[in-house]
Amino acid sequence: MSAPPFKVRCTPEVQKQLVALARDKGLAKRRRAVEKALGQLEKYGPRHSALQTHPFESQKGPGGAKVFVAYAEQGTPAAFRILWCYGPGEDEITVLWVGPHY
């Protein structure tokens, strides 16, 4: 069995966001969508078609890293998105933010 192509790491802020999602029973569907998207990001990489990953031009990551956005949900009001960047290590992705798209 081979290792996933990427190790997904979450910032402390994202960890708090995920805990808040888990605690709010009204957001259970969104929590499942976010967990599924993070799993796809780790297992298949950012090019997985369901993620619709693209650059997020208006923000830079740590050290000026290029930031990307991946879809956790589609076709719903205020659909959740995941902002991430590559690094800090090789084959690592750091999730910077999880939340609704307005």
N, C-alpha and C. Protein backbone atom coordinates (compact mmCIF):
# COMPACT_ATOMS: atom_id res chain seq x y z
N MET A 1 0.84 -1.17 0.00
CA MET A 1 0.00 0.00 0.00
C MET A 1 0.89 1.24 0.00
N SER A 2 0.63 2.16 -0.92
CA SER A 2 1.46 3.36 -1.01
C SER A 2 0.89 4.49 -0.16
N ALA A 3 1.77 5.41 0.20
CA ALA A 3 1.36 6.55 1.01
C ALA A 3 0.59 7.55 0.15
N PRO A 4 -0.29 8.32 0.76
CA PRO A 4 -0.99 9.36 0.00
C PRO A 4 0.00 10.33 -0.61
N PRO A 5 -0.36 11.00 -1.70
CA PRO A 5 0.58 11.90 -2.34
C PRO A 5 0.91 13.13 -1.49
N PHE A 6 0.02 13.52 -0.57
CA PHE A 6 0.27 14.71 0.24
C PHE A 6 -0.10 14.47 1.69
N LYS A 7 0.61 15.14 2.57
CA LYS A 7 0.28 15.19 3.99
C LYS A 7 -0.42 16.53 4.19
N VAL A 8 -1.66 16.50 4.66
CA VAL A 8 -2.41 17.73 4.88
C VAL A 8 -2.25 18.15 6.34
N ARG A 9 -1.81 19.38 6.52
CA ARG A 9 -1.65 19.96 7.86
C ARG A 9 -2.61 21.15 7.97
N CYS A 10 -3.14 21.34 9.14
CA CYS A 10 -4.06 22.46 9.39
C CYS A 10 -3.44 23.43 10.37
N THR A 11 -3.61 24.72 10.11
CA THR A 11 -3.15 25.73 11.05
C THR A 11 -4.00 25.63 12.32
N PRO A 12 -3.53 26.20 13.43
CA PRO A 12 -4.35 26.20 14.64
C PRO A 12 -5.72 26.84 14.43
N GLU A 13 -5.78 27.88 13.61
CA GLU A 13 -7.07 28.54 13.32
C GLU A 13 -8.01 27.57 12.60
N VAL A 14 -7.50 26.82 11.66
CA VAL A 14 -8.33 25.84 10.94
C VAL A 14 -8.78 24.74 11.89
N GLN A 15 -7.90 24.31 12.77
CA GLN A 15 -8.30 23.29 13.74
C GLN A 15 -9.47 23.79 14.59
N LYS A 16 -9.46 25.07 14.98
CA LYS A 16 -10.57 25.65 15.72
C LYS A 16 -11.83 25.68 14.87
N GLN A 17 -11.69 26.02 13.59
CA GLN A 17 -12.84 26.05 12.69
C GLN A 17 -13.46 24.66 12.55
N LEU A 18 -12.61 23.64 12.46
CA LEU A 18 -13.12 22.28 12.32
C LEU A 18 -13.82 21.81 13.59
N VAL A 19 -13.30 22.19 14.76
CA VAL A 19 -13.95 21.85 16.02
C VAL A 19 -15.32 22.53 16.10
N ALA A 20 -15.37 23.80 15.70
CA ALA A 20 -16.65 24.53 15.72
C ALA A 20 -17.66 23.88 14.78
N LEU A 21 -17.20 23.43 13.61
CA LEU A 21 -18.08 22.72 12.68
C LEU A 21 -18.61 21.43 13.30
N ALA A 22 -17.74 20.72 13.98
CA ALA A 22 -18.13 19.44 14.58
C ALA A 22 -19.14 19.64 15.71
N ARG A 23 -19.05 20.75 16.42
CA ARG A 23 -19.94 21.00 17.56
C ARG A 23 -21.32 21.46 17.15
N ASP A 24 -21.44 22.09 15.99
CA ASP A 24 -22.72 22.64 15.54
C ASP A 24 -23.47 21.60 14.71
N LYS A 25 -24.46 20.97 15.30
CA LYS A 25 -25.19 19.91 14.62
C LYS A 25 -25.89 20.42 13.36
N GLY A 26 -26.22 21.70 13.31
CA GLY A 26 -26.84 22.29 12.13
C GLY A 26 -25.90 22.38 10.94
N LEU A 27 -24.60 22.24 11.19
CA LEU A 27 -23.60 22.30 10.13
C LEU A 27 -23.02 20.92 9.81
N ALA A 28 -23.71 19.86 10.20
CA ALA A 28 -23.20 18.50 9.99
C ALA A 28 -22.93 18.21 8.51
N LYS A 29 -23.83 18.67 7.64
CA LYS A 29 -23.64 18.42 6.20
C LYS A 29 -22.39 19.14 5.70
N ARG A 30 -22.19 20.36 6.16
CA ARG A 30 -21.00 21.12 5.75
C ARG A 30 -19.74 20.47 6.31
N ARG A 31 -19.80 20.00 7.56
CA ARG A 31 -18.64 19.33 8.16
C ARG A 31 -18.25 18.11 7.34
N ARG A 32 -19.23 17.31 6.96
CA ARG A 32 -18.94 16.12 6.14
C ARG A 32 -18.32 16.51 4.80
N ALA A 33 -18.83 17.58 4.19
CA ALA A 33 -18.28 18.04 2.91
C ALA A 33 -16.83 18.48 3.06
N VAL A 34 -16.54 19.20 4.14
CA VAL A 34 -15.17 19.66 4.38
C VAL A 34 -14.25 18.47 4.63
N GLU A 35 -14.69 17.53 5.46
CA GLU A 35 -13.88 16.35 5.74
C GLU A 35 -13.61 15.54 4.46
N LYS A 36 -14.62 15.42 3.62
CA LYS A 36 -14.45 14.69 2.36
C LYS A 36 -13.44 15.41 1.46
N ALA A 37 -13.56 16.73 1.36
CA ALA A 37 -12.64 17.50 0.52
C ALA A 37 -11.21 17.42 1.04
N LEU A 38 -11.04 17.50 2.35
CA LEU A 38 -9.69 17.38 2.92
C LEU A 38 -9.12 15.99 2.65
N GLY A 39 -9.96 14.98 2.72
CA GLY A 39 -9.53 13.62 2.41
C GLY A 39 -9.11 13.47 0.96
N GLN A 40 -9.87 14.09 0.06
CA GLN A 40 -9.51 14.04 -1.36
C GLN A 40 -8.21 14.79 -1.61
N LEU A 41 -8.04 15.91 -0.93
CA LEU A 41 -6.81 16.69 -1.08
C LEU A 41 -5.60 15.87 -0.66
N GLU A 42 -5.74 15.13 0.43
CA GLU A 42 -4.64 14.31 0.92
C GLU A 42 -4.42 13.06 0.06
N LYS A 43 -5.50 12.37 -0.25
CA LYS A 43 -5.38 11.09 -0.94
C LYS A 43 -5.05 11.23 -2.43
N TYR A 44 -5.72 12.18 -3.09
CA TYR A 44 -5.58 12.30 -4.54
C TYR A 44 -4.78 13.51 -5.00
N GLY A 45 -4.60 14.47 -4.09
CA GLY A 45 -3.89 15.68 -4.45
C GLY A 45 -4.83 16.76 -4.93
N PRO A 46 -4.30 17.97 -5.09
CA PRO A 46 -5.13 19.11 -5.43
C PRO A 46 -5.72 19.09 -6.83
N ARG A 47 -5.28 18.20 -7.67
CA ARG A 47 -5.80 18.15 -9.04
C ARG A 47 -7.06 17.29 -9.17
N HIS A 48 -7.53 16.74 -8.07
CA HIS A 48 -8.77 15.95 -8.11
C HIS A 48 -9.88 16.84 -8.64
N SER A 49 -10.61 16.37 -9.62
CA SER A 49 -11.59 17.21 -10.32
C SER A 49 -12.69 17.75 -9.41
N ALA A 50 -13.09 17.02 -8.40
CA ALA A 50 -14.16 17.49 -7.52
C ALA A 50 -13.75 18.72 -6.71
N LEU A 51 -12.46 18.91 -6.51
CA LEU A 51 -11.98 20.04 -5.71
C LEU A 51 -11.98 21.36 -6.48
N GLN A 52 -11.93 21.29 -7.79
CA GLN A 52 -11.89 22.48 -8.65
C GLN A 52 -10.87 23.50 -8.15
N THR A 53 -9.69 23.02 -7.82
CA THR A 53 -8.63 23.86 -7.27
C THR A 53 -8.18 24.91 -8.28
N HIS A 54 -8.00 26.13 -7.79
CA HIS A 54 -7.46 27.20 -8.61
C HIS A 54 -6.75 28.21 -7.72
N PRO A 55 -5.86 29.03 -8.30
CA PRO A 55 -5.13 30.01 -7.50
C PRO A 55 -6.07 31.04 -6.88
N PHE A 56 -5.71 31.50 -5.71
CA PHE A 56 -6.44 32.54 -4.99
C PHE A 56 -5.54 33.76 -5.01
N GLU A 57 -5.75 34.62 -5.96
CA GLU A 57 -4.81 35.70 -6.25
C GLU A 57 -4.74 36.79 -5.18
N SER A 58 -5.79 37.00 -4.42
CA SER A 58 -5.83 38.15 -3.52
C SER A 58 -5.16 37.93 -2.17
N GLN A 59 -4.53 36.78 -1.97
CA GLN A 59 -3.89 36.51 -0.68
C GLN A 59 -2.61 35.72 -0.90
N LYS A 60 -1.62 36.00 -0.07
CA LYS A 60 -0.36 35.24 -0.07
C LYS A 60 -0.29 34.43 1.21
N GLY A 61 0.36 33.28 1.12
CA GLY A 61 0.53 32.42 2.28
C GLY A 61 1.80 32.76 3.04
N PRO A 62 2.17 31.91 3.99
CA PRO A 62 3.40 32.13 4.76
C PRO A 62 4.61 32.27 3.85
N GLY A 63 5.41 33.27 4.12
CA GLY A 63 6.61 33.49 3.31
C GLY A 63 6.31 33.89 1.88
N GLY A 64 5.10 34.39 1.62
CA GLY A 64 4.71 34.80 0.27
C GLY A 64 4.27 33.65 -0.62
N ALA A 65 4.00 32.49 -0.03
CA ALA A 65 3.60 31.31 -0.81
C ALA A 65 2.31 31.57 -1.58
N LYS A 66 2.21 30.96 -2.73
CA LYS A 66 1.00 31.05 -3.54
C LYS A 66 -0.13 30.29 -2.84
N VAL A 67 -1.30 30.91 -2.76
CA VAL A 67 -2.46 30.32 -2.10
C VAL A 67 -3.43 29.81 -3.14
N PHE A 68 -4.05 28.68 -2.83
CA PHE A 68 -5.04 28.06 -3.72
C PHE A 68 -6.36 27.90 -2.98
N VAL A 69 -7.43 27.81 -3.74
CA VAL A 69 -8.74 27.56 -3.17
C VAL A 69 -9.26 26.24 -3.74
N ALA A 70 -9.85 25.44 -2.89
CA ALA A 70 -10.48 24.17 -3.30
C ALA A 70 -11.92 24.20 -2.80
N TYR A 71 -12.81 23.58 -3.56
CA TYR A 71 -14.22 23.56 -3.21
C TYR A 71 -14.52 22.40 -2.28
N ALA A 72 -15.20 22.71 -1.17
CA ALA A 72 -15.73 21.65 -0.31
C ALA A 72 -17.19 21.40 -0.68
N GLU A 73 -17.86 22.44 -1.17
CA GLU A 73 -19.25 22.35 -1.60
C GLU A 73 -19.42 23.12 -2.90
N GLN A 74 -20.47 22.76 -3.62
CA GLN A 74 -20.78 23.45 -4.86
C GLN A 74 -22.28 23.63 -4.97
N GLY A 75 -22.69 24.72 -5.58
CA GLY A 75 -24.09 24.93 -5.88
C GLY A 75 -24.99 25.16 -4.68
N THR A 76 -24.42 25.60 -3.56
CA THR A 76 -25.23 25.92 -2.39
C THR A 76 -24.88 27.34 -1.96
N PRO A 77 -25.83 28.06 -1.37
CA PRO A 77 -25.51 29.41 -0.90
C PRO A 77 -24.39 29.36 0.14
N ALA A 78 -23.47 30.29 0.03
CA ALA A 78 -22.32 30.38 0.94
C ALA A 78 -21.58 29.05 1.05
N ALA A 79 -21.36 28.41 -0.10
CA ALA A 79 -20.66 27.13 -0.15
C ALA A 79 -19.29 27.24 0.50
N PHE A 80 -18.89 26.20 1.21
CA PHE A 80 -17.61 26.20 1.91
C PHE A 80 -16.45 25.98 0.94
N ARG A 81 -15.37 26.71 1.23
CA ARG A 81 -14.14 26.64 0.46
C ARG A 81 -12.98 26.36 1.42
N ILE A 82 -11.89 25.88 0.85
CA ILE A 82 -10.68 25.59 1.61
C ILE A 82 -9.53 26.37 0.97
N LEU A 83 -8.88 27.23 1.74
CA LEU A 83 -7.70 27.93 1.26
C LEU A 83 -6.46 27.20 1.77
N TRP A 84 -5.51 26.96 0.89
CA TRP A 84 -4.33 26.19 1.26
C TRP A 84 -3.13 26.63 0.46
N CYS A 85 -1.95 26.19 0.90
CA CYS A 85 -0.72 26.41 0.15
C CYS A 85 0.17 25.18 0.29
N TYR A 86 1.14 25.07 -0.57
CA TYR A 86 2.10 23.98 -0.48
C TYR A 86 3.08 24.26 0.65
N GLY A 87 3.54 23.17 1.30
CA GLY A 87 4.59 23.30 2.30
C GLY A 87 4.06 23.14 3.71
N PRO A 88 4.90 23.21 4.71
CA PRO A 88 6.28 23.66 4.63
C PRO A 88 7.24 22.61 4.07
N GLY A 89 6.93 21.34 4.22
CA GLY A 89 7.81 20.31 3.70
C GLY A 89 7.39 19.84 2.32
N GLU A 90 8.24 19.03 1.75
CA GLU A 90 7.93 18.45 0.45
C GLU A 90 6.73 17.53 0.61
N ASP A 91 5.84 17.54 -0.36
CA ASP A 91 4.63 16.72 -0.35
C ASP A 91 3.71 17.04 0.82
N GLU A 92 3.74 18.29 1.27
CA GLU A 92 2.85 18.74 2.33
C GLU A 92 1.98 19.88 1.82
N ILE A 93 0.76 19.92 2.33
CA ILE A 93 -0.18 20.99 2.06
C ILE A 93 -0.62 21.55 3.41
N THR A 94 -0.61 22.87 3.53
CA THR A 94 -1.07 23.52 4.76
C THR A 94 -2.40 24.20 4.48
N VAL A 95 -3.42 23.80 5.23
CA VAL A 95 -4.74 24.42 5.11
C VAL A 95 -4.74 25.68 5.96
N LEU A 96 -5.06 26.82 5.32
CA LEU A 96 -4.99 28.12 5.96
C LEU A 96 -6.34 28.60 6.47
N TRP A 97 -7.42 28.16 5.84
CA TRP A 97 -8.75 28.66 6.20
C TRP A 97 -9.81 27.72 5.61
N VAL A 98 -10.89 27.56 6.34
CA VAL A 98 -12.06 26.80 5.88
C VAL A 98 -13.28 27.63 6.21
N GLY A 99 -14.13 27.88 5.24
CA GLY A 99 -15.32 28.65 5.54
C GLY A 99 -16.15 28.95 4.31
N PRO A 100 -17.22 29.73 4.52
CA PRO A 100 -18.15 30.02 3.44
C PRO A 100 -17.59 31.01 2.41
N HIS A 101 -17.99 30.81 1.19
CA HIS A 101 -17.65 31.70 0.09
C HIS A 101 -18.79 32.69 -0.07
N TYR A 102 -18.46 33.97 -0.04
CA TYR A 102 -19.51 34.99 -0.18
C TYR A 102 -19.31 35.76 -1.45
